[in-house]
Amino acid sequence: MTDLETRAAPPGTALRRAAPALLGYTAVRALGLLALVLWSAARDKSAYTLLTARWDSLWYTRVAELGYGYEVRLPNGDVHSNLAFFPLLPWLERGVAAVTPLSYADAGFVVSLLASLAAAWGIFAVADHVHGRRAGVCAVLLWAVLPVGIVQSMAYSESLFTALAAWSLYAVLTGRWLTAGTLAALAGLTRPVGLAVVAAVWAAGIASFGRHRSTAAAQGAHDTEHAPSPTPDMPRGGAPARRRALGMLLAPLGAAGYVLWVGHRTGDGPLGYLDVQAGWRNGFDGGYAFARFVAEKFTSFPAALAGVGLIAGVGLVVWLYVVCVRQGQPLPLLVYAGVVTALALCASSYFGSKPRLLLPAFPLLLPLARALARSRTSRSALVVGGVALASAVYGAFWLNGSGPP
């Protein structure tokens, strides 16, 4: 990674460079939606309802329509409060509904579709910057064909968050610190895992300051006859340190602001949001509850197969992260993917949601994208096409069944 302020390519040029990735992504998502429509029709269900008016989508649209304060008290005493849902997606739903004839649910669907394209473009930009254009296209296609990729087309916040996260990381990689901090703040208003973007910006910023301090010390020990030493506020060839510091200060404002507001509203102080999550029986226990959940699968033979699958899935995620480290991915990508993965795997509830929670961890796909990019185009197309078909069928089956909790 470099601190050099790179000049942005004209939007038209950048879009043309990303066009193959975006066209491929659109084709994969269209296939997934077609499979969902056909499967839902065969079961006399509405595919559109499954995408816009089920599960978390209902909570988001209720926030958009009525604001915060709604809660459900369950027979066991648990309290499900809509304060658990961060506000950026409902704000956008409300804004779109205000200027168009769309309902809040329709607005959520439109926002999700547009955000998924922005996310695909952001993923391409990051992968292209790190590994080249061909790997960028492969990374986008791999993200599109994930088994739970249908969530990218739902009125959920995953696509919006991934778009903000990807472009924030790209801004860090290209030295645009104010943009990185602003997008990180918006990501922090989208999902609790926005902390991962904040951590990435801060890690990159701290490492950058450290490098420049070391460079300045080394230059001070040598003759600088041909080039003056950079000042503390203007590192050689880089962005002003003030911009970097300001970007770091901006990054946590979204998440911190919402969490503090929830604490003030509930009267429970800074930890009020944790109490709200506890009402949903959700928290962070280091993975103990998930490990126990997996272990319980081995109490009977059919369930044991699911247990083996879960262990294999976790092993694959961990292996991919190790490969990312070995391949020398830039620090912000490693920090971001590591925090997203840790928060997803170590949450104490909603075990069926873990694949969905891992959806934003796109840097984990870069080793696979590199390998796919080295293959012949015909072979890569065959692999992606086959996986896309399987993903489309699984997505249709999943949403017509248990679906994302």
Protein backbone atom coordinates (compact mmCIF):
# COMPACT_ATOMS: atom_id res chain seq x y z
CA MET A 1 0.00 0.00 0.00
CA THR A 2 1.15 3.52 -0.68
CA ASP A 3 0.20 6.90 0.71
CA LEU A 4 0.53 8.47 -2.72
CA GLU A 5 -2.50 10.49 -3.73
CA THR A 6 -3.33 8.79 -7.05
CA ARG A 7 -5.28 10.72 -9.61
CA ALA A 8 -8.78 9.34 -10.13
CA ALA A 9 -9.56 8.01 -13.57
CA PRO A 10 -12.42 9.76 -15.36
CA PRO A 11 -15.75 8.11 -14.46
CA GLY A 12 -16.30 6.97 -18.04
CA THR A 13 -12.89 5.32 -18.21
CA ALA A 14 -13.32 3.64 -14.83
CA LEU A 15 -16.77 2.39 -15.82
CA ARG A 16 -15.50 0.96 -19.09
CA ARG A 17 -12.72 -0.83 -17.25
CA ALA A 18 -15.22 -2.34 -14.80
CA ALA A 19 -17.87 -3.08 -17.46
CA PRO A 20 -17.07 -6.80 -17.92
CA ALA A 21 -17.31 -7.35 -14.16
CA LEU A 22 -20.58 -5.43 -13.86
CA LEU A 23 -22.14 -7.16 -16.86
CA GLY A 24 -21.13 -10.56 -15.52
CA TYR A 25 -22.47 -9.65 -12.08
CA THR A 26 -25.79 -8.51 -13.55
CA ALA A 27 -26.12 -11.75 -15.50
CA VAL A 28 -25.49 -13.88 -12.41
CA ARG A 29 -27.97 -11.93 -10.30
CA ALA A 30 -30.57 -12.07 -13.10
CA LEU A 31 -30.17 -15.84 -13.18
CA GLY A 32 -30.68 -15.99 -9.43
CA LEU A 33 -33.82 -13.86 -9.60
CA LEU A 34 -35.21 -15.93 -12.48
CA ALA A 35 -34.69 -19.14 -10.51
CA LEU A 36 -36.39 -17.58 -7.50
CA VAL A 37 -39.40 -16.45 -9.54
CA LEU A 38 -39.85 -19.89 -11.11
CA TRP A 39 -39.39 -21.78 -7.82
CA SER A 40 -41.72 -19.43 -5.95
CA ALA A 41 -44.40 -19.67 -8.63
CA ALA A 42 -44.27 -23.47 -8.42
CA ARG A 43 -44.91 -23.19 -4.68
CA ASP A 44 -47.60 -20.52 -5.12
CA LYS A 45 -45.50 -17.87 -3.37
CA SER A 46 -44.50 -14.35 -4.33
CA ALA A 47 -40.81 -14.00 -5.08
CA TYR A 48 -41.08 -10.24 -4.64
CA THR A 49 -42.54 -10.65 -1.16
CA LEU A 50 -39.66 -12.93 -0.22
CA LEU A 51 -37.22 -10.26 -1.38
CA THR A 52 -38.87 -7.22 0.18
CA ALA A 53 -41.33 -8.14 2.93
CA ARG A 54 -39.91 -10.98 4.99
CA TRP A 55 -37.54 -11.25 7.94
CA ASP A 56 -35.29 -8.21 8.49
CA SER A 57 -36.79 -6.38 5.51
CA LEU A 58 -39.96 -5.83 7.54
CA TRP A 59 -37.99 -4.30 10.40
CA TYR A 60 -36.19 -1.90 8.08
CA THR A 61 -39.37 -0.73 6.36
CA ARG A 62 -41.08 -0.26 9.72
CA VAL A 63 -38.22 2.00 10.84
CA ALA A 64 -38.49 3.92 7.56
CA GLU A 65 -42.24 4.39 7.99
CA LEU A 66 -42.66 4.87 11.74
CA GLY A 67 -39.21 5.58 13.12
CA TYR A 68 -37.67 3.91 16.15
CA GLY A 69 -39.51 2.72 19.22
CA TYR A 70 -41.25 -0.42 17.98
CA GLU A 71 -40.58 -3.66 19.87
CA VAL A 72 -41.97 -7.15 20.21
CA ARG A 73 -42.14 -8.94 23.55
CA LEU A 74 -41.89 -12.70 23.18
CA PRO A 75 -43.53 -15.24 25.53
CA ASN A 76 -40.12 -16.18 26.98
CA GLY A 77 -39.52 -12.57 28.04
CA ASP A 78 -37.15 -11.56 25.23
CA VAL A 79 -37.63 -8.08 23.79
CA HIS A 80 -36.97 -7.55 20.09
CA SER A 81 -36.47 -3.82 19.58
CA ASN A 82 -36.04 -2.15 16.21
CA LEU A 83 -33.20 -0.15 17.77
CA ALA A 84 -31.04 -3.15 16.83
CA PHE A 85 -31.25 -2.05 13.18
CA PHE A 86 -28.89 0.71 12.09
CA PRO A 87 -30.50 3.68 10.33
CA LEU A 88 -28.86 4.31 6.95
CA LEU A 89 -30.94 1.84 4.92
CA PRO A 90 -34.25 3.03 6.45
CA TRP A 91 -33.20 6.64 5.82
CA LEU A 92 -32.57 5.83 2.16
CA GLU A 93 -35.88 3.95 1.91
CA ARG A 94 -37.68 6.95 3.36
CA GLY A 95 -35.87 9.34 1.01
CA VAL A 96 -36.62 7.31 -2.13
CA ALA A 97 -40.27 6.84 -1.10
CA ALA A 98 -40.58 10.59 -0.52
CA VAL A 99 -39.55 11.55 -4.05
CA THR A 100 -41.10 8.63 -5.98
CA PRO A 101 -44.42 6.78 -5.95
CA LEU A 102 -42.65 3.70 -4.53
CA SER A 103 -43.58 2.15 -1.20
CA TYR A 104 -40.96 1.77 1.51
CA ALA A 105 -40.55 -1.90 0.59
CA ASP A 106 -40.19 -1.03 -3.10
CA ALA A 107 -37.65 1.65 -2.19
CA GLY A 108 -35.65 -0.88 -0.17
CA PHE A 109 -35.53 -3.20 -3.16
CA VAL A 110 -34.34 -0.41 -5.47
CA VAL A 111 -31.70 0.73 -2.99
CA SER A 112 -30.47 -2.85 -2.62
CA LEU A 113 -30.23 -3.40 -6.39
CA LEU A 114 -28.30 -0.16 -6.94
CA ALA A 115 -26.11 -0.79 -3.90
CA SER A 116 -25.29 -4.30 -5.13
CA LEU A 117 -23.99 -2.84 -8.40
CA ALA A 118 -21.98 -0.26 -6.45
CA ALA A 119 -20.62 -3.06 -4.27
CA ALA A 120 -19.64 -5.12 -7.32
CA TRP A 121 -17.86 -2.08 -8.79
CA GLY A 122 -16.09 -1.44 -5.48
CA ILE A 123 -14.95 -5.04 -5.20
CA PHE A 124 -13.63 -4.85 -8.76
CA ALA A 125 -11.80 -1.60 -7.98
CA VAL A 126 -10.08 -3.13 -4.94
CA ALA A 127 -9.16 -6.40 -6.65
CA ASP A 128 -8.04 -4.61 -9.83
CA HIS A 129 -5.81 -2.30 -7.77
CA VAL A 130 -4.23 -5.20 -5.88
CA HIS A 131 -4.10 -8.02 -8.45
CA GLY A 132 -5.09 -6.62 -11.85
CA ARG A 133 -8.17 -6.35 -14.03
CA ARG A 134 -8.71 -10.04 -14.75
CA ALA A 135 -8.58 -10.92 -11.05
CA GLY A 136 -10.98 -8.02 -10.42
CA VAL A 137 -13.56 -9.50 -12.79
CA CYS A 138 -13.16 -12.93 -11.21
CA ALA A 139 -13.53 -11.51 -7.70
CA VAL A 140 -16.84 -9.86 -8.60
CA LEU A 141 -18.17 -13.03 -10.22
CA LEU A 142 -17.14 -15.12 -7.21
CA TRP A 143 -18.94 -12.71 -4.89
CA ALA A 144 -22.03 -12.94 -7.11
CA VAL A 145 -22.14 -16.75 -7.10
CA LEU A 146 -21.81 -17.24 -3.35
CA PRO A 147 -24.48 -19.70 -2.11
CA VAL A 148 -26.28 -16.90 -0.23
CA GLY A 149 -25.74 -14.39 -3.04
CA ILE A 150 -29.51 -13.93 -3.38
CA VAL A 151 -29.29 -11.72 -0.28
CA GLN A 152 -27.54 -9.15 -2.48
CA SER A 153 -30.90 -8.62 -4.21
CA MET A 154 -33.00 -8.46 -1.03
CA ALA A 155 -34.11 -5.33 0.83
CA TYR A 156 -31.38 -6.05 3.37
CA SER A 157 -28.38 -3.93 4.30
CA GLU A 158 -25.62 -6.32 3.17
CA SER A 159 -25.27 -4.85 -0.33
CA LEU A 160 -25.29 -1.27 0.93
CA PHE A 161 -22.73 -2.05 3.59
CA THR A 162 -20.45 -3.95 1.19
CA ALA A 163 -20.55 -1.06 -1.28
CA LEU A 164 -19.53 1.46 1.38
CA ALA A 165 -16.88 -0.86 2.79
CA ALA A 166 -15.35 -1.71 -0.60
CA TRP A 167 -15.10 1.91 -1.72
CA SER A 168 -13.75 2.99 1.66
CA LEU A 169 -11.02 0.34 1.39
CA TYR A 170 -10.27 1.42 -2.16
CA ALA A 171 -9.96 5.00 -0.96
CA VAL A 172 -7.47 3.89 1.69
CA LEU A 173 -5.47 1.90 -0.85
CA THR A 174 -5.24 4.94 -3.13
CA GLY A 175 -4.51 7.50 -0.40
CA ARG A 176 -7.88 9.30 -0.36
CA TRP A 177 -8.18 9.54 3.39
CA LEU A 178 -11.10 11.95 3.68
CA THR A 179 -13.17 9.81 1.31
CA ALA A 180 -12.16 6.69 3.22
CA GLY A 181 -13.16 8.20 6.55
CA THR A 182 -16.48 9.50 5.26
CA LEU A 183 -17.46 6.16 3.71
CA ALA A 184 -16.37 4.34 6.87
CA ALA A 185 -18.64 6.62 8.90
CA LEU A 186 -21.54 5.78 6.58
CA ALA A 187 -20.74 2.07 6.84
CA GLY A 188 -20.90 2.49 10.60
CA LEU A 189 -24.46 3.80 10.20
CA THR A 190 -25.41 0.71 8.19
CA ARG A 191 -24.48 -2.35 10.25
CA PRO A 192 -22.70 -3.09 13.56
CA VAL A 193 -19.90 -4.69 11.55
CA GLY A 194 -19.07 -1.18 10.35
CA LEU A 195 -16.45 -1.43 13.09
CA ALA A 196 -14.46 -3.55 10.63
CA VAL A 197 -14.18 -0.64 8.19
CA VAL A 198 -13.20 1.72 10.99
CA ALA A 199 -10.54 -0.74 12.15
CA ALA A 200 -9.16 -1.00 8.61
CA VAL A 201 -8.91 2.78 8.21
CA TRP A 202 -7.26 3.16 11.59
CA ALA A 203 -4.82 0.31 11.05
CA ALA A 204 -3.78 1.71 7.69
CA GLY A 205 -3.48 5.22 9.11
CA ILE A 206 -1.37 4.17 12.09
CA ALA A 207 0.88 2.07 9.86
CA SER A 208 1.24 5.00 7.48
CA PHE A 209 2.27 7.39 10.24
CA GLY A 210 4.75 4.80 11.48
CA ARG A 211 6.29 4.35 8.04
CA HIS A 212 6.69 8.06 7.52
CA ARG A 213 8.27 8.50 10.92
CA SER A 214 10.76 5.75 10.09
CA THR A 215 11.41 7.25 6.67
CA ALA A 216 11.96 10.71 8.14
CA ALA A 217 14.40 9.30 10.69
CA ALA A 218 16.32 7.43 7.99
CA GLN A 219 16.51 10.48 5.77
CA GLY A 220 17.72 12.58 8.66
CA ALA A 221 20.77 10.33 8.91
CA HIS A 222 21.79 10.80 5.26
CA ASP A 223 22.77 13.63 3.04
CA THR A 224 19.64 15.28 1.57
CA GLU A 225 21.47 17.51 -0.88
CA HIS A 226 19.26 16.63 -3.86
CA ALA A 227 15.87 16.37 -2.12
CA PRO A 228 14.65 18.17 0.98
CA SER A 229 13.23 16.09 3.77
CA PRO A 230 9.45 16.09 4.00
CA THR A 231 7.88 18.08 6.76
CA PRO A 232 5.92 16.22 9.46
CA ASP A 233 2.70 17.46 7.90
CA MET A 234 3.56 16.71 4.28
CA PRO A 235 5.21 13.31 3.82
CA ARG A 236 7.20 12.91 0.63
CA GLY A 237 4.89 12.16 -2.29
CA GLY A 238 1.96 11.61 0.01
CA ALA A 239 -1.21 13.13 1.31
CA PRO A 240 -0.92 15.72 4.07
CA ALA A 241 -0.84 14.12 7.48
CA ARG A 242 -3.77 16.36 8.43
CA ARG A 243 -5.99 14.61 5.86
CA ARG A 244 -4.95 11.22 7.08
CA ALA A 245 -5.68 12.18 10.69
CA LEU A 246 -9.00 13.76 9.76
CA GLY A 247 -10.01 10.66 7.83
CA MET A 248 -9.22 8.54 10.87
CA LEU A 249 -11.29 10.85 13.07
CA LEU A 250 -14.25 10.75 10.69
CA ALA A 251 -14.28 6.95 10.37
CA PRO A 252 -15.87 6.00 13.74
CA LEU A 253 -18.40 8.83 13.89
CA GLY A 254 -21.26 6.89 12.30
CA ALA A 255 -21.14 3.81 14.51
CA ALA A 256 -20.27 5.77 17.64
CA GLY A 257 -23.00 8.31 17.01
CA TYR A 258 -25.74 5.72 16.61
CA VAL A 259 -24.61 3.61 19.56
CA LEU A 260 -24.45 6.67 21.83
CA TRP A 261 -27.88 7.81 20.61
CA VAL A 262 -29.37 4.41 21.41
CA GLY A 263 -27.80 4.54 24.88
CA HIS A 264 -29.28 7.99 25.44
CA ARG A 265 -32.71 6.91 24.19
CA THR A 266 -32.82 3.79 26.36
CA GLY A 267 -31.26 5.54 29.36
CA ASP A 268 -28.65 2.81 29.65
CA GLY A 269 -25.64 4.88 28.69
CA PRO A 270 -22.91 3.88 26.24
CA LEU A 271 -23.68 0.16 26.66
CA GLY A 272 -27.36 0.56 25.84
CA TYR A 273 -26.96 -0.91 22.36
CA LEU A 274 -25.49 -4.09 23.85
CA ASP A 275 -28.60 -4.41 26.00
CA VAL A 276 -30.76 -4.05 22.89
CA GLN A 277 -28.78 -6.85 21.20
CA ALA A 278 -29.10 -8.96 24.34
CA GLY A 279 -32.87 -8.71 23.94
CA TRP A 280 -32.39 -10.53 20.64
CA ARG A 281 -30.12 -13.04 22.43
CA ASN A 282 -27.27 -11.81 20.34
CA GLY A 283 -23.78 -10.91 21.51
CA PHE A 284 -20.10 -11.77 21.22
CA ASP A 285 -18.85 -14.77 23.18
CA GLY A 286 -15.69 -15.65 21.26
CA GLY A 287 -17.42 -18.47 19.38
CA TYR A 288 -18.37 -20.60 22.40
CA ALA A 289 -22.08 -20.79 21.57
CA PHE A 290 -21.37 -21.57 17.93
CA ALA A 291 -18.90 -24.30 18.88
CA ARG A 292 -21.51 -25.83 21.19
CA PHE A 293 -24.10 -25.60 18.41
CA VAL A 294 -21.79 -27.49 16.05
CA ALA A 295 -20.93 -30.10 18.71
CA GLU A 296 -24.62 -30.80 19.31
CA LYS A 297 -24.96 -31.81 15.66
CA PHE A 298 -22.95 -34.96 16.39
CA THR A 299 -25.57 -36.40 18.73
CA SER A 300 -27.33 -38.15 15.83
CA PHE A 301 -26.19 -39.49 12.49
CA PRO A 302 -28.15 -37.30 10.05
CA ALA A 303 -27.32 -34.16 12.02
CA ALA A 304 -23.66 -35.21 12.16
CA LEU A 305 -23.41 -34.66 8.40
CA ALA A 306 -24.47 -31.07 8.93
CA GLY A 307 -21.87 -30.78 11.69
CA VAL A 308 -19.15 -31.99 9.33
CA GLY A 309 -20.32 -29.45 6.76
CA LEU A 310 -20.19 -26.63 9.30
CA ILE A 311 -16.67 -27.57 10.38
CA ALA A 312 -15.58 -27.77 6.74
CA GLY A 313 -17.11 -24.36 6.04
CA VAL A 314 -15.37 -22.71 8.99
CA GLY A 315 -12.13 -24.43 8.02
CA LEU A 316 -12.42 -23.08 4.48
CA VAL A 317 -12.96 -19.52 5.75
CA VAL A 318 -9.96 -19.75 8.08
CA TRP A 319 -7.80 -21.28 5.33
CA LEU A 320 -8.72 -18.51 2.91
CA TYR A 321 -7.75 -15.89 5.47
CA VAL A 322 -4.40 -17.60 6.06
CA VAL A 323 -3.79 -17.61 2.30
CA CYS A 324 -4.64 -13.90 2.17
CA VAL A 325 -1.97 -13.27 4.81
CA ARG A 326 0.60 -15.41 3.01
CA GLN A 327 -0.07 -13.67 -0.30
CA GLY A 328 0.66 -10.33 1.33
CA GLN A 329 -2.70 -8.64 0.97
CA PRO A 330 -2.59 -4.96 2.00
CA LEU A 331 -3.06 -4.38 5.72
CA PRO A 332 -6.49 -2.69 5.50
CA LEU A 333 -7.93 -5.66 3.60
CA LEU A 334 -6.54 -8.12 6.14
CA VAL A 335 -7.85 -6.13 9.09
CA TYR A 336 -11.27 -5.64 7.50
CA ALA A 337 -11.71 -9.29 6.52
CA GLY A 338 -10.40 -10.48 9.88
CA VAL A 339 -12.83 -8.35 11.90
CA VAL A 340 -15.82 -9.25 9.70
CA THR A 341 -14.97 -12.94 10.01
CA ALA A 342 -14.43 -12.79 13.77
CA LEU A 343 -17.68 -10.93 14.39
CA ALA A 344 -19.61 -13.36 12.18
CA LEU A 345 -18.20 -16.58 13.61
CA CYS A 346 -18.08 -15.46 17.24
CA ALA A 347 -21.62 -14.09 17.52
CA SER A 348 -23.57 -15.98 20.15
CA SER A 349 -26.82 -16.45 18.26
CA TYR A 350 -28.47 -16.76 14.83
CA PHE A 351 -26.18 -19.53 13.69
CA GLY A 352 -28.03 -19.94 10.41
CA SER A 353 -27.21 -16.33 9.56
CA LYS A 354 -23.45 -16.77 9.62
CA PRO A 355 -23.03 -17.31 5.85
CA ARG A 356 -25.02 -14.10 5.30
CA LEU A 357 -22.93 -12.24 7.88
CA LEU A 358 -19.79 -13.31 6.03
CA LEU A 359 -21.09 -11.91 2.74
CA PRO A 360 -19.24 -8.56 3.10
CA ALA A 361 -15.88 -10.31 3.70
CA PHE A 362 -15.00 -10.15 -0.01
CA PRO A 363 -11.18 -9.96 0.47
CA LEU A 364 -11.35 -13.65 1.38
CA LEU A 365 -12.26 -14.31 -2.26
CA LEU A 366 -9.15 -12.70 -3.70
CA PRO A 367 -6.94 -15.84 -3.52
CA LEU A 368 -9.61 -17.76 -5.43
CA ALA A 369 -9.96 -14.88 -7.88
CA ARG A 370 -6.20 -14.92 -8.53
CA ALA A 371 -6.27 -18.65 -9.18
CA LEU A 372 -9.29 -18.34 -11.47
CA ALA A 373 -7.69 -15.45 -13.34
CA ARG A 374 -4.69 -17.62 -14.17
CA SER A 375 -6.90 -20.24 -15.82
CA ARG A 376 -7.98 -20.19 -19.45
CA THR A 377 -11.04 -18.07 -20.12
CA SER A 378 -13.09 -21.04 -21.30
CA ARG A 379 -12.30 -23.01 -18.15
CA SER A 380 -13.02 -20.04 -15.89
CA ALA A 381 -16.34 -19.41 -17.66
CA LEU A 382 -17.33 -23.05 -17.26
CA VAL A 383 -16.52 -23.03 -13.53
CA VAL A 384 -18.31 -19.76 -12.86
CA GLY A 385 -21.31 -20.76 -14.96
CA GLY A 386 -21.75 -24.06 -13.15
CA VAL A 387 -21.42 -22.48 -9.71
CA ALA A 388 -23.79 -19.66 -10.72
CA LEU A 389 -26.46 -22.18 -11.69
CA ALA A 390 -26.04 -24.08 -8.43
CA SER A 391 -26.14 -20.83 -6.47
CA ALA A 392 -29.33 -19.71 -8.23
CA VAL A 393 -31.09 -22.99 -7.44
CA TYR A 394 -29.91 -22.95 -3.83
CA GLY A 395 -30.98 -19.33 -3.36
CA ALA A 396 -34.48 -20.09 -4.65
CA PHE A 397 -34.73 -23.16 -2.42
CA TRP A 398 -33.39 -21.26 0.60
CA LEU A 399 -35.73 -18.28 0.38
CA ASN A 400 -38.72 -20.56 -0.14
CA GLY A 401 -37.66 -22.50 2.94
CA SER A 402 -35.98 -21.29 6.10
CA GLY A 403 -34.50 -18.19 4.47
CA PRO A 404 -32.19 -15.73 6.22
CA PRO A 405 -33.22 -15.24 9.86
